[in-house]
Amino acid sequence: MGECTIIFTTLAVLLAIALVTSLPTQNNKRHEFCDIEAKDHKGQYTCCSSHYKYRLNAGVCEIKSYKTQLPIFGYSEKATKKVVSREDAHSDHDANEKNPGDDEGVCHVYKIKVGRNGGKCVPGNVVMAAKNVHDWLAGNYKDASCSVDLGPDCAGEPKSSERYMFAVKLNGLDGNQTTLDDSLSSELRNKYRCNIEAHGSEYFVVCPL
């Protein structure tokens, strides 16, 4: 009888250990939205720092915003030629590495994975707007998805003197542009000043950079 008790107790302990080790922990927490994955050892977002001389994974696309006629700035698998210096990273008092802007969350520039490509540095407002697009779709268009990857035509070198828009691509959406635009969340409409634009048969959420 005593041997059976020991065996069952041992099995119960082993089962409990297996269950605990298989549960997701904070260390395995991931942030996933619009083909983006971001995490670090504490389950927090990781920032790109000018201390490590990074390059932006974003470029000027061949398409322009219909509303503003400004070039669209989008994610690019290929990084820019220019290394982001500390002067560049801290040139804007209202949005820099030490003080990210209200629309940037915790990072001025995030280190993220897009699709299968990891270690990409993307501006904070692009990443946070994408998260808001994901949340808006989840609440209104459950069969739709989004992506920050606009394709290979976003490889132009940006210029600091130019103004740009940025875009998040919408996939699997039916309906007309006005209806979609009217359904945008107040966060996207007011905080990020976004609107819906149709380019060919594809829809995008387009916002000022």
C-alpha atoms as a PDB file:
ATOM      1  CA  MET A   1       0.000   0.000   0.000  1.00  0.00           C
ATOM      2  CA  GLY A   2       2.838   2.362   0.922  1.00  0.00           C
ATOM      3  CA  GLU A   3       4.636   1.637  -2.367  1.00  0.00           C
ATOM      4  CA  CYS A   4       1.481   2.486  -4.368  1.00  0.00           C
ATOM      5  CA  THR A   5       1.128   5.778  -2.507  1.00  0.00           C
ATOM      6  CA  ILE A   6       4.746   6.667  -3.281  1.00  0.00           C
ATOM      7  CA  ILE A   7       4.304   5.799  -6.968  1.00  0.00           C
ATOM      8  CA  PHE A   8       1.100   7.858  -7.314  1.00  0.00           C
ATOM      9  CA  THR A   9       2.664  10.778  -5.427  1.00  0.00           C
ATOM     10  CA  THR A  10       5.709  10.693  -7.692  1.00  0.00           C
ATOM     11  CA  LEU A  11       3.519  10.592 -10.817  1.00  0.00           C
ATOM     12  CA  ALA A  12       1.447  13.512  -9.544  1.00  0.00           C
ATOM     13  CA  VAL A  13       4.586  15.584  -8.919  1.00  0.00           C
ATOM     14  CA  LEU A  14       5.994  14.797 -12.353  1.00  0.00           C
ATOM     15  CA  LEU A  15       2.675  15.686 -13.999  1.00  0.00           C
ATOM     16  CA  ALA A  16       2.525  18.985 -12.125  1.00  0.00           C
ATOM     17  CA  ILE A  17       6.086  19.849 -13.201  1.00  0.00           C
ATOM     18  CA  ALA A  18       5.258  19.000 -16.822  1.00  0.00           C
ATOM     19  CA  LEU A  19       2.152  21.217 -16.751  1.00  0.00           C
ATOM     20  CA  VAL A  20       3.986  24.161 -15.209  1.00  0.00           C
ATOM     21  CA  THR A  21       6.903  24.002 -17.640  1.00  0.00           C
ATOM     22  CA  SER A  22       4.532  23.754 -20.615  1.00  0.00           C
ATOM     23  CA  LEU A  23       2.516  26.830 -19.654  1.00  0.00           C
ATOM     24  CA  PRO A  24       3.425  30.089 -21.428  1.00  0.00           C
ATOM     25  CA  THR A  25       5.398  32.369 -19.143  1.00  0.00           C
ATOM     26  CA  GLN A  26       6.212  36.047 -19.311  1.00  0.00           C
ATOM     27  CA  ASN A  27       9.548  35.053 -20.842  1.00  0.00           C
ATOM     28  CA  ASN A  28       7.696  33.528 -23.804  1.00  0.00           C
ATOM     29  CA  LYS A  29       5.201  36.359 -24.240  1.00  0.00           C
ATOM     30  CA  ARG A  30       4.928  37.623 -27.798  1.00  0.00           C
ATOM     31  CA  HIS A  31       3.305  40.631 -29.362  1.00  0.00           C
ATOM     32  CA  GLU A  32       1.903  39.585 -32.757  1.00  0.00           C
ATOM     33  CA  PHE A  33      -0.049  41.792 -35.166  1.00  0.00           C
ATOM     34  CA  CYS A  34      -0.007  42.675 -38.895  1.00  0.00           C
ATOM     35  CA  ASP A  35       2.775  40.135 -39.674  1.00  0.00           C
ATOM     36  CA  ILE A  36       4.837  41.692 -36.841  1.00  0.00           C
ATOM     37  CA  GLU A  37       6.298  39.724 -33.956  1.00  0.00           C
ATOM     38  CA  ALA A  38       8.086  41.457 -31.101  1.00  0.00           C
ATOM     39  CA  LYS A  39       9.385  40.216 -27.757  1.00  0.00           C
ATOM     40  CA  ASP A  40      12.389  40.200 -25.449  1.00  0.00           C
ATOM     41  CA  HIS A  41      13.400  38.138 -22.417  1.00  0.00           C
ATOM     42  CA  LYS A  42      10.831  39.962 -20.247  1.00  0.00           C
ATOM     43  CA  GLY A  43       8.034  39.859 -22.800  1.00  0.00           C
ATOM     44  CA  GLN A  44       8.521  43.560 -23.501  1.00  0.00           C
ATOM     45  CA  TYR A  45       9.101  45.374 -26.775  1.00  0.00           C
ATOM     46  CA  THR A  46      12.723  45.787 -27.857  1.00  0.00           C
ATOM     47  CA  CYS A  47      13.891  49.177 -29.112  1.00  0.00           C
ATOM     48  CA  CYS A  48      16.540  49.885 -31.741  1.00  0.00           C
ATOM     49  CA  SER A  49      19.173  52.174 -30.257  1.00  0.00           C
ATOM     50  CA  SER A  50      21.458  54.603 -32.077  1.00  0.00           C
ATOM     51  CA  HIS A  51      24.146  53.479 -29.618  1.00  0.00           C
ATOM     52  CA  TYR A  52      24.376  50.333 -31.781  1.00  0.00           C
ATOM     53  CA  LYS A  53      24.254  52.266 -35.087  1.00  0.00           C
ATOM     54  CA  TYR A  54      21.182  50.706 -36.675  1.00  0.00           C
ATOM     55  CA  ARG A  55      19.641  51.295 -40.108  1.00  0.00           C
ATOM     56  CA  LEU A  56      15.914  51.683 -40.665  1.00  0.00           C
ATOM     57  CA  ASN A  57      14.064  48.880 -42.424  1.00  0.00           C
ATOM     58  CA  ALA A  58      11.774  51.273 -44.243  1.00  0.00           C
ATOM     59  CA  GLY A  59      11.884  53.115 -47.525  1.00  0.00           C
ATOM     60  CA  VAL A  60       9.987  55.367 -49.884  1.00  0.00           C
ATOM     61  CA  CYS A  61       7.392  53.463 -51.932  1.00  0.00           C
ATOM     62  CA  GLU A  62       6.474  54.075 -55.557  1.00  0.00           C
ATOM     63  CA  ILE A  63       2.868  54.879 -54.628  1.00  0.00           C
ATOM     64  CA  LYS A  64       1.618  58.177 -53.208  1.00  0.00           C
ATOM     65  CA  SER A  65      -1.278  58.991 -50.927  1.00  0.00           C
ATOM     66  CA  TYR A  66      -4.308  59.986 -52.999  1.00  0.00           C
ATOM     67  CA  LYS A  67      -5.465  62.359 -50.265  1.00  0.00           C
ATOM     68  CA  THR A  68      -2.228  64.313 -49.701  1.00  0.00           C
ATOM     69  CA  GLN A  69      -0.174  63.395 -52.795  1.00  0.00           C
ATOM     70  CA  LEU A  70       2.753  62.728 -50.437  1.00  0.00           C
ATOM     71  CA  PRO A  71       4.987  59.676 -51.009  1.00  0.00           C
ATOM     72  CA  ILE A  72       4.202  56.634 -48.871  1.00  0.00           C
ATOM     73  CA  PHE A  73       6.929  55.420 -46.547  1.00  0.00           C
ATOM     74  CA  GLY A  74       6.753  51.692 -45.798  1.00  0.00           C
ATOM     75  CA  TYR A  75       8.534  48.683 -44.340  1.00  0.00           C
ATOM     76  CA  SER A  76      11.400  47.369 -46.433  1.00  0.00           C
ATOM     77  CA  GLU A  77      13.240  44.101 -45.932  1.00  0.00           C
ATOM     78  CA  LYS A  78      16.347  45.920 -47.145  1.00  0.00           C
ATOM     79  CA  ALA A  79      17.665  48.520 -44.700  1.00  0.00           C
ATOM     80  CA  THR A  80      18.436  52.115 -45.644  1.00  0.00           C
ATOM     81  CA  LYS A  81      22.020  53.020 -46.565  1.00  0.00           C
ATOM     82  CA  LYS A  82      22.185  55.698 -43.891  1.00  0.00           C
ATOM     83  CA  VAL A  83      23.095  54.672 -40.351  1.00  0.00           C
ATOM     84  CA  VAL A  84      20.906  56.371 -37.721  1.00  0.00           C
ATOM     85  CA  SER A  85      23.224  58.542 -35.611  1.00  0.00           C
ATOM     86  CA  ARG A  86      22.536  59.799 -32.097  1.00  0.00           C
ATOM     87  CA  GLU A  87      22.000  63.252 -33.568  1.00  0.00           C
ATOM     88  CA  ASP A  88      19.357  61.843 -35.932  1.00  0.00           C
ATOM     89  CA  ALA A  89      17.671  59.862 -33.162  1.00  0.00           C
ATOM     90  CA  HIS A  90      17.451  62.897 -30.851  1.00  0.00           C
ATOM     91  CA  SER A  91      16.833  65.639 -33.413  1.00  0.00           C
ATOM     92  CA  ASP A  92      13.119  65.886 -32.563  1.00  0.00           C
ATOM     93  CA  HIS A  93      12.519  67.077 -29.007  1.00  0.00           C
ATOM     94  CA  ASP A  94       8.970  65.675 -28.930  1.00  0.00           C
ATOM     95  CA  ALA A  95       9.832  62.209 -30.259  1.00  0.00           C
ATOM     96  CA  ASN A  96      13.241  60.654 -29.676  1.00  0.00           C
ATOM     97  CA  GLU A  97      14.872  57.617 -28.075  1.00  0.00           C
ATOM     98  CA  LYS A  98      14.745  59.076 -24.567  1.00  0.00           C
ATOM     99  CA  ASN A  99      11.245  60.454 -24.998  1.00  0.00           C
ATOM    100  CA  PRO A 100       9.134  58.466 -27.520  1.00  0.00           C
ATOM    101  CA  GLY A 101       6.158  60.362 -28.929  1.00  0.00           C
ATOM    102  CA  ASP A 102       2.603  59.694 -27.767  1.00  0.00           C
ATOM    103  CA  ASP A 103       1.947  57.752 -30.971  1.00  0.00           C
ATOM    104  CA  GLU A 104       5.132  55.654 -30.636  1.00  0.00           C
ATOM    105  CA  GLY A 105       4.480  53.726 -27.431  1.00  0.00           C
ATOM    106  CA  VAL A 106       7.642  52.688 -25.558  1.00  0.00           C
ATOM    107  CA  CYS A 107      10.106  52.839 -28.471  1.00  0.00           C
ATOM    108  CA  HIS A 108      11.070  55.591 -30.884  1.00  0.00           C
ATOM    109  CA  VAL A 109      12.079  52.743 -33.224  1.00  0.00           C
ATOM    110  CA  TYR A 110      11.166  49.083 -32.582  1.00  0.00           C
ATOM    111  CA  LYS A 111      13.229  45.983 -33.259  1.00  0.00           C
ATOM    112  CA  ILE A 112      10.732  43.516 -34.691  1.00  0.00           C
ATOM    113  CA  LYS A 113      10.290  40.446 -36.834  1.00  0.00           C
ATOM    114  CA  VAL A 114       8.221  40.861 -40.007  1.00  0.00           C
ATOM    115  CA  GLY A 115       7.134  37.544 -41.479  1.00  0.00           C
ATOM    116  CA  ARG A 116      10.274  35.402 -41.356  1.00  0.00           C
ATOM    117  CA  ASN A 117      12.674  38.337 -41.195  1.00  0.00           C
ATOM    118  CA  GLY A 118      13.905  39.215 -37.716  1.00  0.00           C
ATOM    119  CA  GLY A 119      15.928  42.078 -36.273  1.00  0.00           C
ATOM    120  CA  LYS A 120      14.208  44.785 -38.347  1.00  0.00           C
ATOM    121  CA  CYS A 121      14.148  48.399 -37.143  1.00  0.00           C
ATOM    122  CA  VAL A 122      10.849  50.144 -37.899  1.00  0.00           C
ATOM    123  CA  PRO A 123       9.611  53.593 -36.730  1.00  0.00           C
ATOM    124  CA  GLY A 124       7.523  53.535 -33.572  1.00  0.00           C
ATOM    125  CA  ASN A 125       4.400  55.205 -34.940  1.00  0.00           C
ATOM    126  CA  VAL A 126       4.273  52.720 -37.838  1.00  0.00           C
ATOM    127  CA  VAL A 127       4.445  49.764 -35.429  1.00  0.00           C
ATOM    128  CA  MET A 128       1.887  51.173 -32.971  1.00  0.00           C
ATOM    129  CA  ALA A 129      -0.496  52.206 -35.756  1.00  0.00           C
ATOM    130  CA  ALA A 130      -0.252  48.632 -37.104  1.00  0.00           C
ATOM    131  CA  LYS A 131      -1.213  47.317 -33.664  1.00  0.00           C
ATOM    132  CA  ASN A 132      -4.242  49.617 -33.677  1.00  0.00           C
ATOM    133  CA  VAL A 133      -5.175  48.465 -37.189  1.00  0.00           C
ATOM    134  CA  HIS A 134      -4.991  44.851 -35.985  1.00  0.00           C
ATOM    135  CA  ASP A 135      -7.245  45.645 -32.994  1.00  0.00           C
ATOM    136  CA  TRP A 136      -9.723  47.531 -35.215  1.00  0.00           C
ATOM    137  CA  LEU A 137      -9.947  44.611 -37.656  1.00  0.00           C
ATOM    138  CA  ALA A 138     -10.340  42.087 -34.829  1.00  0.00           C
ATOM    139  CA  GLY A 139     -13.330  44.025 -33.514  1.00  0.00           C
ATOM    140  CA  ASN A 140     -15.016  44.715 -36.858  1.00  0.00           C
ATOM    141  CA  TYR A 141     -13.735  42.463 -39.659  1.00  0.00           C
ATOM    142  CA  LYS A 142     -12.708  39.158 -38.106  1.00  0.00           C
ATOM    143  CA  ASP A 143     -11.868  37.457 -41.434  1.00  0.00           C
ATOM    144  CA  ALA A 144      -9.518  40.267 -42.509  1.00  0.00           C
ATOM    145  CA  SER A 145      -5.827  40.666 -41.744  1.00  0.00           C
ATOM    146  CA  CYS A 146      -3.149  43.331 -42.106  1.00  0.00           C
ATOM    147  CA  SER A 147       0.526  43.704 -42.954  1.00  0.00           C
ATOM    148  CA  VAL A 148       3.197  46.395 -42.754  1.00  0.00           C
ATOM    149  CA  ASP A 149       5.008  44.754 -45.678  1.00  0.00           C
ATOM    150  CA  LEU A 150       3.869  46.696 -48.744  1.00  0.00           C
ATOM    151  CA  GLY A 151       6.123  44.779 -51.141  1.00  0.00           C
ATOM    152  CA  PRO A 152       9.442  45.347 -52.919  1.00  0.00           C
ATOM    153  CA  ASP A 153       8.500  48.791 -54.282  1.00  0.00           C
ATOM    154  CA  CYS A 154       9.343  50.545 -50.992  1.00  0.00           C
ATOM    155  CA  ALA A 155      13.107  50.693 -51.414  1.00  0.00           C
ATOM    156  CA  GLY A 156      13.672  54.421 -52.046  1.00  0.00           C
ATOM    157  CA  GLU A 157      16.020  56.278 -49.699  1.00  0.00           C
ATOM    158  CA  PRO A 158      14.085  58.707 -47.463  1.00  0.00           C
ATOM    159  CA  LYS A 159      15.166  62.328 -47.097  1.00  0.00           C
ATOM    160  CA  SER A 160      14.960  64.124 -43.756  1.00  0.00           C
ATOM    161  CA  SER A 161      13.727  67.273 -45.498  1.00  0.00           C
ATOM    162  CA  GLU A 162      10.708  65.523 -47.065  1.00  0.00           C
ATOM    163  CA  ARG A 163       7.261  64.792 -45.621  1.00  0.00           C
ATOM    164  CA  TYR A 164       5.814  61.288 -45.951  1.00  0.00           C
ATOM    165  CA  MET A 165       2.750  59.200 -45.221  1.00  0.00           C
ATOM    166  CA  PHE A 166       2.964  55.578 -44.102  1.00  0.00           C
ATOM    167  CA  ALA A 167       0.561  52.728 -44.784  1.00  0.00           C
ATOM    168  CA  VAL A 168      -0.642  49.407 -43.417  1.00  0.00           C
ATOM    169  CA  LYS A 169      -2.030  46.989 -45.990  1.00  0.00           C
ATOM    170  CA  LEU A 170      -5.463  45.415 -45.437  1.00  0.00           C
ATOM    171  CA  ASN A 171      -6.138  41.877 -46.672  1.00  0.00           C
ATOM    172  CA  GLY A 172      -9.449  40.100 -47.206  1.00  0.00           C
ATOM    173  CA  LEU A 173     -11.705  43.146 -46.956  1.00  0.00           C
ATOM    174  CA  ASP A 174     -14.858  43.635 -49.005  1.00  0.00           C
ATOM    175  CA  GLY A 175     -16.951  46.761 -49.035  1.00  0.00           C
ATOM    176  CA  ASN A 176     -16.638  50.287 -50.218  1.00  0.00           C
ATOM    177  CA  GLN A 177     -14.003  52.785 -49.162  1.00  0.00           C
ATOM    178  CA  THR A 178     -16.427  55.197 -47.498  1.00  0.00           C
ATOM    179  CA  THR A 179     -17.945  52.462 -45.303  1.00  0.00           C
ATOM    180  CA  LEU A 180     -14.496  51.246 -44.256  1.00  0.00           C
ATOM    181  CA  ASP A 181     -13.301  54.784 -43.584  1.00  0.00           C
ATOM    182  CA  ASP A 182     -16.364  55.520 -41.432  1.00  0.00           C
ATOM    183  CA  SER A 183     -15.700  52.397 -39.363  1.00  0.00           C
ATOM    184  CA  LEU A 184     -12.112  53.315 -38.452  1.00  0.00           C
ATOM    185  CA  SER A 185     -11.454  53.393 -34.720  1.00  0.00           C
ATOM    186  CA  SER A 186     -11.241  56.786 -33.003  1.00  0.00           C
ATOM    187  CA  GLU A 187      -7.631  55.952 -32.090  1.00  0.00           C
ATOM    188  CA  LEU A 188      -6.641  55.590 -35.748  1.00  0.00           C
ATOM    189  CA  ARG A 189      -8.739  58.526 -36.879  1.00  0.00           C
ATOM    190  CA  ASN A 190      -7.828  61.041 -34.171  1.00  0.00           C
ATOM    191  CA  LYS A 191      -4.469  60.013 -32.709  1.00  0.00           C
ATOM    192  CA  TYR A 192      -2.807  58.780 -35.910  1.00  0.00           C
ATOM    193  CA  ARG A 193      -4.934  60.882 -38.339  1.00  0.00           C
ATOM    194  CA  CYS A 194      -5.426  57.915 -40.655  1.00  0.00           C
ATOM    195  CA  ASN A 195      -7.887  57.266 -43.438  1.00  0.00           C
ATOM    196  CA  ILE A 196      -8.664  54.398 -45.809  1.00  0.00           C
ATOM    197  CA  GLU A 197      -7.306  54.567 -49.358  1.00  0.00           C
ATOM    198  CA  ALA A 198      -7.868  52.185 -52.254  1.00  0.00           C
ATOM    199  CA  HIS A 199      -4.945  51.604 -54.591  1.00  0.00           C
ATOM    200  CA  GLY A 200      -6.156  49.398 -57.401  1.00  0.00           C
ATOM    201  CA  SER A 201      -8.077  46.542 -55.814  1.00  0.00           C
ATOM    202  CA  GLU A 202      -6.217  46.828 -52.497  1.00  0.00           C
ATOM    203  CA  TYR A 203      -7.094  48.811 -49.386  1.00  0.00           C
ATOM    204  CA  PHE A 204      -4.625  50.556 -47.082  1.00  0.00           C
ATOM    205  CA  VAL A 205      -4.810  52.486 -43.835  1.00  0.00           C
ATOM    206  CA  VAL A 206      -2.750  55.605 -44.655  1.00  0.00           C
ATOM    207  CA  CYS A 207      -1.436  57.979 -41.969  1.00  0.00           C
ATOM    208  CA  PRO A 208       1.023  60.903 -41.708  1.00  0.00           C
ATOM    209  CA  LEU A 209       4.527  59.808 -40.742  1.00  0.00           C
END
